[in-house]
């Protein structure tokens, strides 16, 4: 917060110092705007000179932290959350092997009476 105030006040001081007649030993300003800028520049300069940091800088670490290269593990999938759409050439046992379950489990979960009668495009629930 104090740093932001210092930056703003410093910017105002730079702008005020660049205006003609401010901070120089010239005659009185020739316009009311310059007169106002002259009256502002003095308090800004005195404020900037009176502000000093109240804390000492902290030490900066000399080493940079590195992130461990870990592969995130997906959360466990709840039972019955997988589905599979039957493709041409699929068999119930091949689908079961793909998901690491038994063909009987898929058959029971989906109410399949004859595993040889799978239909292309049929959506199966996988336990």
Protein backbone atom coordinates (compact mmCIF):
# COMPACT_ATOMS: atom_id res chain seq x y z
CA UNK A 1 0.00 0.00 0.00
CA UNK A 2 2.78 2.41 0.92
CA UNK A 3 4.69 1.47 -2.20
CA UNK A 4 1.64 2.29 -4.35
CA UNK A 5 1.32 5.69 -2.69
CA UNK A 6 5.00 6.37 -3.26
CA UNK A 7 4.70 5.42 -6.92
CA UNK A 8 1.66 7.66 -7.44
CA UNK A 9 3.24 10.56 -5.61
CA UNK A 10 6.48 10.08 -7.53
CA UNK A 11 4.62 10.12 -10.84
CA UNK A 12 2.84 13.32 -9.81
CA UNK A 13 6.15 14.88 -8.83
CA UNK A 14 7.67 13.99 -12.21
CA UNK A 15 4.69 15.45 -14.06
CA UNK A 16 4.74 18.56 -11.90
CA UNK A 17 8.50 18.99 -12.38
CA UNK A 18 8.09 18.91 -16.16
CA UNK A 19 5.51 21.68 -16.18
CA UNK A 20 7.01 25.09 -16.97
CA UNK A 21 7.78 27.20 -13.95
CA UNK A 22 7.59 24.45 -11.33
CA UNK A 23 10.64 23.73 -9.26
CA UNK A 24 12.60 26.42 -11.03
CA UNK A 25 13.48 29.92 -10.05
CA UNK A 26 11.31 31.57 -12.72
CA UNK A 27 8.74 34.28 -12.38
CA UNK A 28 5.25 33.51 -11.09
CA UNK A 29 3.21 31.12 -13.19
CA UNK A 30 1.37 32.69 -16.08
CA UNK A 31 -1.87 30.71 -15.78
CA UNK A 32 -4.15 29.57 -12.96
CA UNK A 33 -3.47 25.91 -13.86
CA UNK A 34 0.26 26.42 -13.46
CA UNK A 35 -0.30 28.23 -10.19
CA UNK A 36 -2.30 25.24 -8.90
CA UNK A 37 0.41 22.82 -10.08
CA UNK A 38 3.04 24.88 -8.31
CA UNK A 39 1.13 24.73 -5.05
CA UNK A 40 0.74 20.93 -5.40
CA UNK A 41 4.38 20.20 -6.25
CA UNK A 42 5.77 21.43 -2.96
CA UNK A 43 3.64 19.18 -0.69
CA UNK A 44 4.30 16.19 -2.96
CA UNK A 45 8.05 16.68 -2.81
CA UNK A 46 7.99 17.07 0.97
CA UNK A 47 5.77 13.98 1.34
CA UNK A 48 8.08 11.90 -0.83
CA UNK A 49 11.11 12.91 1.16
CA UNK A 50 9.43 12.08 4.48
CA UNK A 51 8.23 8.60 3.51
CA UNK A 52 10.71 5.89 4.34
CA UNK A 53 10.27 2.12 4.40
CA UNK A 54 9.48 0.82 7.89
CA UNK A 55 10.61 -2.74 7.33
CA UNK A 56 13.86 -4.16 6.11
CA UNK A 57 13.83 -6.30 2.98
CA UNK A 58 13.54 -10.01 3.56
CA UNK A 59 16.13 -12.40 2.27
CA UNK A 60 15.49 -13.97 -1.11
CA UNK A 61 16.02 -17.72 -1.39
CA UNK A 62 18.97 -18.63 -3.57
CA UNK A 63 17.50 -21.89 -4.81
CA UNK A 64 14.43 -22.28 -6.91
CA UNK A 65 11.92 -24.87 -5.82
CA UNK A 66 11.26 -27.66 -8.30
CA UNK A 67 8.03 -29.48 -8.78
CA UNK A 68 8.08 -33.23 -8.49
CA UNK A 69 7.16 -34.97 -11.71
CA UNK A 70 4.20 -36.95 -10.52
CA UNK A 71 1.51 -38.42 -12.68
CA UNK A 72 -1.84 -37.56 -11.15
CA UNK A 73 -4.00 -40.56 -10.45
CA UNK A 74 -7.62 -40.27 -11.47
CA UNK A 75 -10.18 -40.70 -8.71
CA UNK A 76 -11.73 -44.14 -8.45
CA UNK A 77 -14.75 -44.56 -10.69
CA UNK A 78 -17.95 -45.57 -8.95
CA UNK A 79 -19.50 -48.93 -9.80
CA UNK A 80 -21.70 -48.76 -12.88
CA UNK A 81 -20.27 -45.44 -14.07
CA UNK A 82 -18.73 -46.83 -17.28
CA UNK A 83 -20.68 -47.38 -20.44
CA UNK A 84 -19.57 -48.87 -23.72
CA UNK A 85 -21.18 -48.70 -27.16
CA UNK A 86 -20.93 -52.02 -29.00
CA UNK A 87 -18.95 -51.84 -32.27
CA UNK A 88 -18.88 -54.27 -35.21
CA UNK A 89 -16.90 -57.38 -34.28
CA UNK A 90 -17.21 -56.89 -30.50
CA UNK A 91 -17.90 -59.86 -28.25
CA UNK A 92 -19.02 -59.72 -24.65
CA UNK A 93 -15.84 -61.49 -23.52
CA UNK A 94 -13.60 -59.01 -25.43
CA UNK A 95 -15.45 -56.05 -23.91
CA UNK A 96 -15.15 -57.64 -20.45
CA UNK A 97 -11.41 -58.18 -20.93
CA UNK A 98 -10.97 -54.54 -22.04
CA UNK A 99 -12.48 -53.31 -18.76
CA UNK A 100 -11.06 -56.03 -16.50
CA UNK A 101 -14.38 -57.50 -15.50
CA UNK A 102 -16.08 -60.81 -16.24
CA UNK A 103 -18.49 -61.29 -19.12
CA UNK A 104 -21.02 -62.64 -16.62
CA UNK A 105 -20.92 -59.38 -14.62
CA UNK A 106 -21.68 -57.32 -17.75
CA UNK A 107 -24.36 -59.79 -18.77
CA UNK A 108 -26.10 -59.60 -15.37
CA UNK A 109 -25.83 -55.80 -15.07
CA UNK A 110 -27.36 -55.31 -18.52
CA UNK A 111 -29.96 -58.09 -18.38
CA UNK A 112 -28.47 -59.90 -21.37
CA UNK A 113 -29.88 -63.41 -21.68
CA UNK A 114 -27.79 -64.49 -24.69
CA UNK A 115 -24.33 -62.84 -25.01
CA UNK A 116 -24.20 -63.85 -28.68
CA UNK A 117 -27.02 -61.43 -29.47
CA UNK A 118 -25.19 -58.13 -28.92
CA UNK A 119 -26.38 -55.36 -31.23
CA UNK A 120 -24.06 -52.81 -32.92
CA UNK A 121 -24.65 -49.46 -31.20
CA UNK A 122 -26.04 -51.08 -28.06
CA UNK A 123 -24.87 -49.23 -24.93
CA UNK A 124 -23.67 -51.52 -22.17
CA UNK A 125 -23.19 -50.60 -18.52
CA UNK A 126 -19.78 -51.73 -17.31
CA UNK A 127 -19.37 -52.58 -13.59
